[in-house]
Amino acid sequence: MNNSQNLLLLMAGMLIALPSYSHHGFAQYFDRTNQVRIEGTVHAISIVNPHAHLEIAAVNDAGETEIWSCETQAKTLLDRKGITESKFVVGEDIVVTGSQARRDPLGCEVGTIYFSNGDSITLRTAQGRAVIAVNETVQEPVAQANSIFGRWVRDSFAGGGAEPGFQDLINEAGLAANAQYNSFIHDPSLFCSSSTPVRIWIAPGNPSEIRREGDRIVMQHEFMDTTRIIYLDPATAPTDVEPSVAGFSIGRMEGDELVVETTNFSPGVLLSHTSAGSDGVVHSDALKLIERYNLDENGDLIFSWEATDSNYFTGPIRGGVSLSATTLAPGTYDCEIATEGEH
């Protein structure tokens, strides 16, 4: 069975496992230029990972009651802002402004919520900037001076995809595989899967910790409760490891920089979404990922990556993000897979 067939089986299994989905919080699903204002009452609230949803009962121009379903940030991000389900009272008046969903006339991504008691919460500005603010109260970041070891968090949604021009590096077989991928229903996070290390690190607002334990480096991520082991001594690394979405990693220190080579991937999704107008980038079991971790002049952690795939790419696809030191320890993500009828 070839890689395209493996990927098709994977996606078919996803469709069987999860019959219906809500919109996911990315620009191709919400129109930032089409801001909506919904006045009504709280119909239902579900604050879970990877996304929370607020339902509003609103009366339309014809006098009919419609139920809007508006997506917002993940539970871990809302928890740190002190926003819990107890903040919402079913039947209470509420006003929500946000970005219109592209596929659902009664869908939106929450921008600002106005409560009947005068309180308001802004989660994304009308200009499209997400309000993460995970580092607002940080006083003493837990990071060793001039070291990649410590706790890190990405405090914005900006960037994180591949460098421009990556589409030109996908060959005919890769294009055929990508044509079968639809982020609206195949995004691994909808199935509580972390996908590749690239996806783990670009998740905003979820702290990660890098620490050394003997001849290995442990990367503990809040996102999807993921823990990675980077083996520094190939001689002591395990053998006969089964392929997985996160692969198998061997690392080395080059001065203050950590270089990690990861292989042994199962066919999957390198990038669940991109900022270039495409759904994402899938990969075969030939994926090889080279990761580099170092500090910039401001002491921020720079994670850069280079992906090659002899089956799907004609050359290396590259990208990277910057993360800030934080006191936040990785918490428990407790992702919940949506089922039919849930929002």
Protein backbone atom coordinates (compact mmCIF):
# COMPACT_ATOMS: atom_id res chain seq x y z
CA MET A 1 0.00 0.00 0.00
CA ASN A 2 1.47 3.39 -0.96
CA ASN A 3 1.62 6.52 1.14
CA SER A 4 -1.34 8.20 -0.56
CA GLN A 5 -3.48 5.17 0.21
CA ASN A 6 -2.28 5.18 3.82
CA LEU A 7 -3.21 8.83 4.14
CA LEU A 8 -6.61 8.27 2.55
CA LEU A 9 -7.33 5.47 5.03
CA LEU A 10 -6.27 7.75 7.88
CA MET A 11 -8.62 10.50 6.75
CA ALA A 12 -11.46 8.07 6.13
CA GLY A 13 -11.02 6.78 9.66
CA MET A 14 -11.25 10.34 10.95
CA LEU A 15 -14.53 10.87 9.12
CA ILE A 16 -15.96 7.70 10.64
CA ALA A 17 -14.76 8.65 14.11
CA LEU A 18 -16.13 12.18 14.01
CA PRO A 19 -19.30 12.71 11.94
CA SER A 20 -19.72 16.43 12.52
CA TYR A 21 -17.41 19.29 13.38
CA SER A 22 -17.56 22.89 14.33
CA HIS A 23 -15.52 25.57 12.64
CA HIS A 24 -11.87 25.78 13.59
CA GLY A 25 -10.30 29.10 14.50
CA PHE A 26 -8.32 29.97 11.42
CA ALA A 27 -8.64 32.73 8.85
CA GLN A 28 -9.92 30.51 6.06
CA TYR A 29 -13.02 29.78 8.15
CA PHE A 30 -13.78 33.26 9.48
CA ASP A 31 -13.97 36.51 7.54
CA ARG A 32 -12.17 39.18 9.51
CA THR A 33 -13.53 41.85 7.14
CA ASN A 34 -17.13 40.88 7.93
CA GLN A 35 -17.77 41.79 11.56
CA VAL A 36 -21.11 40.71 13.04
CA ARG A 37 -23.00 41.85 16.14
CA ILE A 38 -25.29 39.32 17.79
CA GLU A 39 -27.74 40.45 20.47
CA GLY A 40 -29.65 37.77 22.29
CA THR A 41 -29.49 35.43 25.27
CA VAL A 42 -27.08 32.70 26.32
CA HIS A 43 -28.38 29.43 24.91
CA ALA A 44 -25.48 27.12 25.80
CA ILE A 45 -21.77 27.24 26.65
CA SER A 46 -19.08 24.61 26.31
CA ILE A 47 -15.55 25.48 27.43
CA VAL A 48 -13.26 22.64 26.43
CA ASN A 49 -10.01 22.05 24.56
CA PRO A 50 -9.18 22.48 21.72
CA HIS A 51 -11.95 25.09 21.32
CA ALA A 52 -14.79 26.50 23.35
CA HIS A 53 -18.21 27.37 21.92
CA LEU A 54 -20.89 29.82 22.89
CA GLU A 55 -24.44 29.52 21.57
CA ILE A 56 -26.62 32.62 21.43
CA ALA A 57 -30.38 32.67 20.86
CA ALA A 58 -31.14 35.76 18.77
CA VAL A 59 -34.28 37.02 17.06
CA ASN A 60 -33.84 37.78 13.35
CA ASP A 61 -35.57 40.45 11.28
CA ALA A 62 -38.47 38.08 10.57
CA GLY A 63 -39.13 37.69 14.29
CA GLU A 64 -37.78 34.13 14.34
CA THR A 65 -35.35 32.86 16.97
CA GLU A 66 -32.06 31.61 15.55
CA ILE A 67 -29.24 29.86 17.37
CA TRP A 68 -25.79 31.22 16.61
CA SER A 69 -22.77 29.04 17.34
CA CYS A 70 -19.62 31.07 17.99
CA GLU A 71 -16.19 29.59 18.53
CA THR A 72 -13.66 31.02 20.90
CA GLN A 73 -10.27 30.20 22.39
CA ALA A 74 -9.30 26.93 24.05
CA LYS A 75 -10.16 26.18 27.66
CA THR A 76 -6.54 26.49 28.79
CA LEU A 77 -6.37 30.06 27.47
CA LEU A 78 -9.76 31.03 28.92
CA ASP A 79 -8.90 29.50 32.30
CA ARG A 80 -5.87 31.77 32.59
CA LYS A 81 -8.12 34.76 31.97
CA GLY A 82 -10.49 33.57 34.69
CA ILE A 83 -13.24 32.78 32.18
CA THR A 84 -15.21 29.68 33.14
CA GLU A 85 -18.63 28.33 32.26
CA SER A 86 -19.98 29.84 35.48
CA LYS A 87 -19.48 33.27 33.90
CA PHE A 88 -22.34 32.48 31.50
CA VAL A 89 -25.95 32.10 32.65
CA VAL A 90 -28.38 30.42 30.28
CA GLY A 91 -31.17 32.85 29.41
CA GLU A 92 -29.17 35.92 30.38
CA ASP A 93 -28.88 38.80 27.90
CA ILE A 94 -25.60 38.88 26.01
CA VAL A 95 -24.03 40.68 23.06
CA VAL A 96 -21.26 39.16 20.97
CA THR A 97 -19.26 40.84 18.23
CA GLY A 98 -16.88 38.89 16.03
CA SER A 99 -15.96 37.58 12.62
CA GLN A 100 -18.58 35.94 10.42
CA ALA A 101 -18.00 32.28 9.58
CA ARG A 102 -17.38 31.73 5.89
CA ARG A 103 -19.40 28.49 5.64
CA ASP A 104 -22.09 28.93 8.27
CA PRO A 105 -24.47 31.92 8.17
CA LEU A 106 -25.12 31.40 11.89
CA GLY A 107 -21.50 30.91 12.86
CA CYS A 108 -18.82 33.28 14.10
CA GLU A 109 -15.55 33.53 15.95
CA VAL A 110 -15.92 35.52 19.15
CA GLY A 111 -14.25 38.91 19.24
CA THR A 112 -15.78 40.64 22.27
CA ILE A 113 -18.45 39.45 24.69
CA TYR A 114 -20.63 42.01 26.50
CA PHE A 115 -22.44 40.74 29.59
CA SER A 116 -25.63 42.17 31.04
CA ASN A 117 -23.82 43.33 34.21
CA GLY A 118 -21.58 45.64 32.16
CA ASP A 119 -18.55 43.36 32.04
CA SER A 120 -16.88 42.69 28.71
CA ILE A 121 -14.14 40.36 27.46
CA THR A 122 -12.17 40.86 24.24
CA LEU A 123 -10.59 37.73 22.79
CA ARG A 124 -9.84 39.02 19.30
CA THR A 125 -9.83 42.58 18.04
CA ALA A 126 -11.78 43.65 14.95
CA GLN A 127 -8.39 44.01 13.24
CA GLY A 128 -7.84 40.27 13.71
CA ARG A 129 -5.32 40.22 16.57
CA ALA A 130 -5.93 37.55 19.17
CA VAL A 131 -5.67 38.60 22.81
CA ILE A 132 -3.58 35.86 24.44
CA ALA A 133 -1.91 37.81 27.28
CA VAL A 134 -0.49 34.72 28.96
CA ASN A 135 2.60 36.61 30.09
CA GLU A 136 0.95 39.68 31.60
CA THR A 137 1.70 38.64 35.21
CA VAL A 138 5.06 37.00 34.61
CA GLN A 139 7.73 38.36 36.95
CA GLU A 140 10.47 35.74 36.99
CA PRO A 141 10.50 33.53 33.90
CA VAL A 142 11.66 29.98 34.58
CA ALA A 143 14.54 29.76 32.13
CA GLN A 144 18.23 29.25 32.68
CA ALA A 145 20.30 32.28 31.66
CA ASN A 146 21.55 32.00 28.09
CA SER A 147 20.03 28.54 27.80
CA ILE A 148 17.25 26.86 25.87
CA PHE A 149 16.33 24.94 29.00
CA GLY A 150 13.32 26.27 30.89
CA ARG A 151 9.68 27.12 30.24
CA TRP A 152 8.50 28.82 27.09
CA VAL A 153 5.23 30.04 25.62
CA ARG A 154 4.13 31.55 22.33
CA ASP A 155 2.06 34.60 23.17
CA SER A 156 0.56 35.41 19.79
CA PHE A 157 -1.01 33.72 16.78
CA ALA A 158 1.20 35.56 14.28
CA GLY A 159 3.27 33.45 11.90
CA GLY A 160 4.17 29.83 12.44
CA GLY A 161 3.53 28.44 8.99
CA ALA A 162 6.01 27.58 6.29
CA GLU A 163 8.21 30.15 4.62
CA PRO A 164 6.78 31.68 1.41
CA GLY A 165 7.07 29.56 -1.71
CA PHE A 166 6.55 26.20 -0.03
CA GLN A 167 3.78 25.34 -2.51
CA ASP A 168 6.35 25.18 -5.30
CA LEU A 169 8.19 22.43 -3.41
CA ILE A 170 5.27 19.99 -3.36
CA ASN A 171 5.42 17.43 -6.17
CA GLU A 172 2.56 15.80 -8.08
CA ALA A 173 2.10 13.00 -5.54
CA GLY A 174 2.12 15.53 -2.70
CA LEU A 175 -0.45 17.70 -4.45
CA ALA A 176 -2.69 14.66 -4.92
CA ALA A 177 -2.40 13.81 -1.22
CA ASN A 178 -3.05 17.43 -0.21
CA ALA A 179 -6.17 17.45 -2.39
CA GLN A 180 -7.65 14.79 -0.09
CA TYR A 181 -6.98 16.85 3.03
CA ASN A 182 -9.61 19.26 4.33
CA SER A 183 -8.61 21.09 7.50
CA PHE A 184 -12.27 21.64 8.35
CA ILE A 185 -12.70 17.92 9.01
CA HIS A 186 -9.18 16.41 9.00
CA ASP A 187 -7.28 18.79 11.29
CA PRO A 188 -5.55 16.43 13.77
CA SER A 189 -6.43 18.66 16.74
CA LEU A 190 -10.11 17.82 16.16
CA PHE A 191 -9.11 14.28 17.13
CA CYS A 192 -6.98 15.41 20.06
CA SER A 193 -3.79 14.56 18.18
CA SER A 194 -0.74 16.80 18.48
CA SER A 195 0.45 15.94 14.96
CA THR A 196 4.11 16.72 14.19
CA PRO A 197 6.49 18.63 16.52
CA VAL A 198 5.94 21.66 14.27
CA ARG A 199 2.26 21.80 15.20
CA ILE A 200 3.04 21.38 18.89
CA TRP A 201 5.36 24.38 19.05
CA ILE A 202 3.22 26.78 17.03
CA ALA A 203 0.19 26.33 19.35
CA PRO A 204 -0.16 29.76 21.06
CA GLY A 205 -0.79 30.22 24.76
CA ASN A 206 0.18 26.69 25.80
CA PRO A 207 3.45 26.61 27.79
CA SER A 208 6.18 24.04 27.18
CA GLU A 209 9.20 23.02 29.21
CA ILE A 210 12.59 21.85 27.93
CA ARG A 211 14.77 20.03 30.44
CA ARG A 212 17.74 17.69 30.35
CA GLU A 213 17.58 14.33 32.09
CA GLY A 214 20.85 12.48 31.76
CA ASP A 215 21.46 11.41 28.17
CA ARG A 216 18.11 12.67 26.95
CA ILE A 217 16.16 15.89 26.64
CA VAL A 218 12.51 15.98 27.64
CA MET A 219 10.10 18.37 25.99
CA GLN A 220 6.89 18.60 27.97
CA HIS A 221 4.08 20.41 26.19
CA GLU A 222 0.71 21.45 27.53
CA PHE A 223 -0.76 21.23 24.02
CA MET A 224 -2.46 17.84 23.74
CA ASP A 225 -0.58 16.70 26.89
CA THR A 226 2.41 15.81 24.72
CA THR A 227 5.78 14.67 26.07
CA ARG A 228 8.69 14.13 23.68
CA ILE A 229 11.96 12.37 24.41
CA ILE A 230 15.04 13.52 22.48
CA TYR A 231 17.84 10.94 22.74
CA LEU A 232 21.32 12.46 22.85
CA ASP A 233 23.17 9.13 22.65
CA PRO A 234 22.05 6.97 19.70
CA ALA A 235 23.77 3.98 21.31
CA THR A 236 21.36 4.03 24.25
CA ALA A 237 18.25 4.98 22.26
CA PRO A 238 15.56 2.31 21.89
CA THR A 239 15.29 0.28 18.70
CA ASP A 240 12.30 -1.09 16.78
CA VAL A 241 10.20 1.96 17.62
CA GLU A 242 6.79 2.00 15.93
CA PRO A 243 6.09 4.89 13.52
CA SER A 244 4.02 7.66 15.06
CA VAL A 245 2.68 11.15 14.37
CA ALA A 246 5.51 12.64 16.47
CA GLY A 247 8.27 10.43 15.04
CA PHE A 248 11.50 9.31 16.74
CA SER A 249 14.09 11.94 17.69
CA ILE A 250 17.87 11.97 18.06
CA GLY A 251 19.48 15.23 19.19
CA ARG A 252 22.84 16.85 19.74
CA MET A 253 24.11 20.05 21.27
CA GLU A 254 26.14 22.31 19.00
CA GLY A 255 27.39 24.82 21.53
CA ASP A 256 24.26 26.44 22.99
CA GLU A 257 22.06 25.24 20.12
CA LEU A 258 20.04 22.03 20.19
CA VAL A 259 19.73 20.23 16.85
CA VAL A 260 17.14 17.45 16.59
CA GLU A 261 16.66 15.01 13.70
CA THR A 262 13.28 13.28 13.72
CA THR A 263 12.24 10.39 11.47
CA ASN A 264 10.00 7.30 11.71
CA PHE A 265 6.80 9.24 11.11
CA SER A 266 3.51 7.67 10.16
CA PRO A 267 1.77 9.43 7.22
CA GLY A 268 0.04 12.54 8.52
CA VAL A 269 -0.16 16.32 8.56
CA LEU A 270 2.93 18.53 8.71
CA LEU A 271 0.93 21.78 8.86
CA SER A 272 -2.77 21.58 9.69
CA HIS A 273 -3.29 25.11 8.31
CA THR A 274 -1.23 27.63 6.41
CA SER A 275 -1.43 31.37 5.94
CA ALA A 276 -1.11 31.05 2.17
CA GLY A 277 -4.74 30.29 1.40
CA SER A 278 -4.38 26.51 1.45
CA ASP A 279 -5.78 24.01 3.91
CA GLY A 280 -2.44 22.61 5.03
CA VAL A 281 0.46 20.34 4.08
CA VAL A 282 0.39 16.57 4.47
CA HIS A 283 3.40 14.27 4.55
CA SER A 284 4.25 10.63 3.90
CA ASP A 285 6.21 8.19 6.06
CA ALA A 286 9.38 9.49 4.38
CA LEU A 287 9.18 12.76 6.32
CA LYS A 288 12.42 13.87 7.97
CA LEU A 289 12.39 16.87 10.26
CA ILE A 290 15.42 18.86 11.39
CA GLU A 291 14.67 21.14 14.33
CA ARG A 292 16.92 23.82 15.79
CA TYR A 293 16.50 25.51 19.16
CA ASN A 294 18.53 28.56 20.19
CA LEU A 295 18.14 31.98 21.77
CA ASP A 296 18.00 35.36 20.06
CA GLU A 297 19.53 38.58 21.38
CA ASN A 298 16.41 39.22 23.50
CA GLY A 299 16.59 35.84 25.23
CA ASP A 300 13.58 34.47 23.36
CA LEU A 301 13.58 30.86 22.21
CA ILE A 302 13.82 30.48 18.44
CA PHE A 303 12.42 27.23 17.09
CA SER A 304 13.21 26.71 13.41
CA TRP A 305 12.50 23.64 11.33
CA GLU A 306 13.27 22.08 7.97
CA ALA A 307 11.12 19.27 6.55
CA THR A 308 12.05 16.96 3.68
CA ASP A 309 9.90 14.21 2.18
CA SER A 310 11.24 12.27 -0.79
CA ASN A 311 7.72 11.12 -1.67
CA TYR A 312 5.93 14.48 -1.57
CA PHE A 313 8.49 17.34 -1.68
CA THR A 314 11.06 18.35 -4.27
CA GLY A 315 13.04 20.31 -1.70
CA PRO A 316 13.06 21.31 1.98
CA ILE A 317 10.13 23.25 3.44
CA ARG A 318 11.16 25.55 6.26
CA GLY A 319 9.55 27.64 8.98
CA GLY A 320 9.90 28.78 12.57
CA VAL A 321 8.47 30.70 15.53
CA SER A 322 9.68 32.68 18.53
CA LEU A 323 8.66 31.91 22.12
CA SER A 324 9.02 33.90 25.34
CA ALA A 325 10.24 32.69 28.72
CA THR A 326 7.41 32.18 31.22
CA THR A 327 6.66 31.17 34.79
CA LEU A 328 3.70 29.14 33.53
CA ALA A 329 4.14 25.40 33.97
CA PRO A 330 2.56 23.08 31.39
CA GLY A 331 -0.90 22.26 32.66
CA THR A 332 -3.32 19.49 31.80
CA TYR A 333 -4.93 19.93 28.39
CA ASP A 334 -7.61 17.22 28.63
CA CYS A 335 -8.66 17.55 24.99
CA GLU A 336 -12.21 16.43 24.22
CA ILE A 337 -13.18 14.97 20.85
CA ALA A 338 -16.43 16.48 19.65
CA THR A 339 -19.32 14.17 18.87
CA GLU A 340 -22.27 14.67 16.59
CA GLY A 341 -24.57 17.35 17.91
CA GLU A 342 -21.96 18.97 20.17
CA HIS A 343 -20.78 22.53 19.62
